[in-house]
Amino acid sequence: MTTVDHEPERQFLDITEGSRGLAKLLHTSLRRLSDGVAGDDLQEMARDILAGHTDLRQIAASDAYGSHLLDRFHHFREWEQSLDPEERERMGVQTAETSGRLDEDQ
């Protein structure tokens, strides 16, 4: 009989330094990637991670996905740099608050 994992984000606690909130956000982001929002390559990568076939550290070091992640990271950095400083600060505070609330809910 198969058991259902009610805390699938648990696998990310090491990479989030024990923060359940950040692990939950990471899991949610990978779920979105596995739905194909960023293209086929990252969809496959996210599905492999969520299925436990690999982990983020292995992915980051791989030739197969490393360039895709780096490309997306550069796009993110360009977007982030285009924000005015107040908006960037507001988003940082909001992210920290969301992560903190998720930690408290655990």
C-alpha atoms as a PDB file:
ATOM      1  CA  MET A   1       0.000   0.000   0.000  1.00  0.00           C
ATOM      2  CA  THR A   2       1.281   3.456  -0.912  1.00  0.00           C
ATOM      3  CA  THR A   3       1.273   6.246   1.634  1.00  0.00           C
ATOM      4  CA  VAL A   4       0.488   9.819   0.698  1.00  0.00           C
ATOM      5  CA  ASP A   5       3.074  12.403   1.739  1.00  0.00           C
ATOM      6  CA  HIS A   6       1.103  15.215   3.355  1.00  0.00           C
ATOM      7  CA  GLU A   7       4.241  17.377   3.548  1.00  0.00           C
ATOM      8  CA  PRO A   8       5.868  17.017   0.135  1.00  0.00           C
ATOM      9  CA  GLU A   9       7.954  20.144   0.761  1.00  0.00           C
ATOM     10  CA  ARG A  10       9.820  18.248   3.508  1.00  0.00           C
ATOM     11  CA  GLN A  11      12.421  17.169   0.946  1.00  0.00           C
ATOM     12  CA  PHE A  12      13.565  20.807   0.635  1.00  0.00           C
ATOM     13  CA  LEU A  13      14.229  21.525   4.315  1.00  0.00           C
ATOM     14  CA  ASP A  14      17.978  21.031   3.949  1.00  0.00           C
ATOM     15  CA  ILE A  15      18.275  23.557   1.145  1.00  0.00           C
ATOM     16  CA  THR A  16      16.068  26.085   2.982  1.00  0.00           C
ATOM     17  CA  GLU A  17      18.063  25.671   6.208  1.00  0.00           C
ATOM     18  CA  GLY A  18      15.084  24.168   8.014  1.00  0.00           C
ATOM     19  CA  SER A  19      12.574  26.855   7.057  1.00  0.00           C
ATOM     20  CA  ARG A  20       9.281  25.097   6.407  1.00  0.00           C
ATOM     21  CA  GLY A  21       7.890  28.305   4.914  1.00  0.00           C
ATOM     22  CA  LEU A  22      10.643  28.604   2.320  1.00  0.00           C
ATOM     23  CA  ALA A  23      10.454  24.864   1.630  1.00  0.00           C
ATOM     24  CA  LYS A  24       6.733  25.218   0.994  1.00  0.00           C
ATOM     25  CA  LEU A  25       7.327  28.181  -1.351  1.00  0.00           C
ATOM     26  CA  LEU A  26      10.017  26.217  -3.182  1.00  0.00           C
ATOM     27  CA  HIS A  27       7.701  23.229  -3.546  1.00  0.00           C
ATOM     28  CA  THR A  28       4.919  25.463  -4.872  1.00  0.00           C
ATOM     29  CA  SER A  29       7.313  27.023  -7.395  1.00  0.00           C
ATOM     30  CA  LEU A  30       8.454  23.613  -8.587  1.00  0.00           C
ATOM     31  CA  ARG A  31       4.815  22.537  -8.951  1.00  0.00           C
ATOM     32  CA  ARG A  32       4.235  25.551 -11.205  1.00  0.00           C
ATOM     33  CA  LEU A  33       7.319  24.688 -13.252  1.00  0.00           C
ATOM     34  CA  SER A  34       6.113  21.093 -13.530  1.00  0.00           C
ATOM     35  CA  ASP A  35       2.924  22.486 -15.077  1.00  0.00           C
ATOM     36  CA  GLY A  36       5.041  23.939 -17.885  1.00  0.00           C
ATOM     37  CA  VAL A  37       4.899  27.682 -17.117  1.00  0.00           C
ATOM     38  CA  ALA A  38       8.589  28.106 -18.049  1.00  0.00           C
ATOM     39  CA  GLY A  39       8.847  25.666 -20.945  1.00  0.00           C
ATOM     40  CA  ASP A  40       9.415  22.001 -21.549  1.00  0.00           C
ATOM     41  CA  ASP A  41      12.985  21.729 -20.236  1.00  0.00           C
ATOM     42  CA  LEU A  42      12.242  23.232 -16.839  1.00  0.00           C
ATOM     43  CA  GLN A  43       8.981  21.285 -16.711  1.00  0.00           C
ATOM     44  CA  GLU A  44      10.899  18.031 -17.042  1.00  0.00           C
ATOM     45  CA  MET A  45      13.470  19.180 -14.470  1.00  0.00           C
ATOM     46  CA  ALA A  46      10.772  20.098 -11.932  1.00  0.00           C
ATOM     47  CA  ARG A  47       8.986  16.799 -12.444  1.00  0.00           C
ATOM     48  CA  ASP A  48      12.236  14.896 -11.855  1.00  0.00           C
ATOM     49  CA  ILE A  49      12.889  16.822  -8.635  1.00  0.00           C
ATOM     50  CA  LEU A  50       9.338  16.427  -7.330  1.00  0.00           C
ATOM     51  CA  ALA A  51       9.397  12.708  -8.111  1.00  0.00           C
ATOM     52  CA  GLY A  52      12.635  12.332  -6.143  1.00  0.00           C
ATOM     53  CA  HIS A  53      14.718  11.248  -9.152  1.00  0.00           C
ATOM     54  CA  THR A  54      17.190  14.069  -8.513  1.00  0.00           C
ATOM     55  CA  ASP A  55      17.606  17.095  -6.276  1.00  0.00           C
ATOM     56  CA  LEU A  56      18.276  20.784  -6.742  1.00  0.00           C
ATOM     57  CA  ARG A  57      21.990  20.505  -6.017  1.00  0.00           C
ATOM     58  CA  GLN A  58      22.443  17.835  -8.686  1.00  0.00           C
ATOM     59  CA  ILE A  59      20.355  19.858 -11.142  1.00  0.00           C
ATOM     60  CA  ALA A  60      22.366  23.031 -10.581  1.00  0.00           C
ATOM     61  CA  ALA A  61      25.581  21.163 -11.321  1.00  0.00           C
ATOM     62  CA  SER A  62      24.274  19.322 -14.379  1.00  0.00           C
ATOM     63  CA  ASP A  63      25.069  20.271 -17.944  1.00  0.00           C
ATOM     64  CA  ALA A  64      21.529  19.358 -18.971  1.00  0.00           C
ATOM     65  CA  TYR A  65      19.736  21.937 -16.825  1.00  0.00           C
ATOM     66  CA  GLY A  66      22.382  24.308 -15.533  1.00  0.00           C
ATOM     67  CA  SER A  67      22.248  26.553 -18.602  1.00  0.00           C
ATOM     68  CA  HIS A  68      18.432  26.730 -18.480  1.00  0.00           C
ATOM     69  CA  LEU A  69      18.482  27.738 -14.833  1.00  0.00           C
ATOM     70  CA  LEU A  70      21.221  30.294 -15.428  1.00  0.00           C
ATOM     71  CA  ASP A  71      19.299  31.785 -18.350  1.00  0.00           C
ATOM     72  CA  ARG A  72      16.129  32.103 -16.252  1.00  0.00           C
ATOM     73  CA  PHE A  73      18.135  33.556 -13.385  1.00  0.00           C
ATOM     74  CA  HIS A  74      19.537  36.244 -15.697  1.00  0.00           C
ATOM     75  CA  HIS A  75      15.996  37.110 -16.833  1.00  0.00           C
ATOM     76  CA  PHE A  76      14.928  37.368 -13.218  1.00  0.00           C
ATOM     77  CA  ARG A  77      17.880  39.608 -12.331  1.00  0.00           C
ATOM     78  CA  GLU A  78      17.094  41.911 -15.280  1.00  0.00           C
ATOM     79  CA  TRP A  79      13.484  42.154 -14.133  1.00  0.00           C
ATOM     80  CA  GLU A  80      14.524  42.709 -10.525  1.00  0.00           C
ATOM     81  CA  GLN A  81      16.974  45.459 -11.507  1.00  0.00           C
ATOM     82  CA  SER A  82      14.216  47.221 -13.452  1.00  0.00           C
ATOM     83  CA  LEU A  83      12.147  47.640 -10.280  1.00  0.00           C
ATOM     84  CA  ASP A  84      12.398  50.882  -8.406  1.00  0.00           C
ATOM     85  CA  PRO A  85      14.130  50.488  -5.006  1.00  0.00           C
ATOM     86  CA  GLU A  86      10.915  50.937  -3.027  1.00  0.00           C
ATOM     87  CA  GLU A  87       9.136  48.196  -4.964  1.00  0.00           C
ATOM     88  CA  ARG A  88      12.109  45.843  -4.576  1.00  0.00           C
ATOM     89  CA  GLU A  89      12.130  46.502  -0.809  1.00  0.00           C
ATOM     90  CA  ARG A  90       8.368  46.009  -0.555  1.00  0.00           C
ATOM     91  CA  MET A  91       8.586  42.657  -2.357  1.00  0.00           C
ATOM     92  CA  GLY A  92      11.445  41.507  -0.128  1.00  0.00           C
ATOM     93  CA  VAL A  93       9.497  42.369   3.013  1.00  0.00           C
ATOM     94  CA  GLN A  94       6.374  40.679   1.649  1.00  0.00           C
ATOM     95  CA  THR A  95       8.316  37.507   0.827  1.00  0.00           C
ATOM     96  CA  ALA A  96       9.885  37.399   4.303  1.00  0.00           C
ATOM     97  CA  GLU A  97       6.479  37.906   5.924  1.00  0.00           C
ATOM     98  CA  THR A  98       4.894  35.174   3.807  1.00  0.00           C
ATOM     99  CA  SER A  99       7.696  32.750   4.619  1.00  0.00           C
ATOM    100  CA  GLY A 100       7.420  33.601   8.309  1.00  0.00           C
ATOM    101  CA  ARG A 101       3.670  33.006   8.325  1.00  0.00           C
ATOM    102  CA  LEU A 102       4.153  29.665   6.604  1.00  0.00           C
ATOM    103  CA  ASP A 103       6.781  28.724   9.220  1.00  0.00           C
ATOM    104  CA  GLU A 104       4.333  29.607  11.990  1.00  0.00           C
ATOM    105  CA  ASP A 105       1.584  27.504  10.410  1.00  0.00           C
ATOM    106  CA  GLN A 106       3.681  24.362  10.692  1.00  0.00           C
END
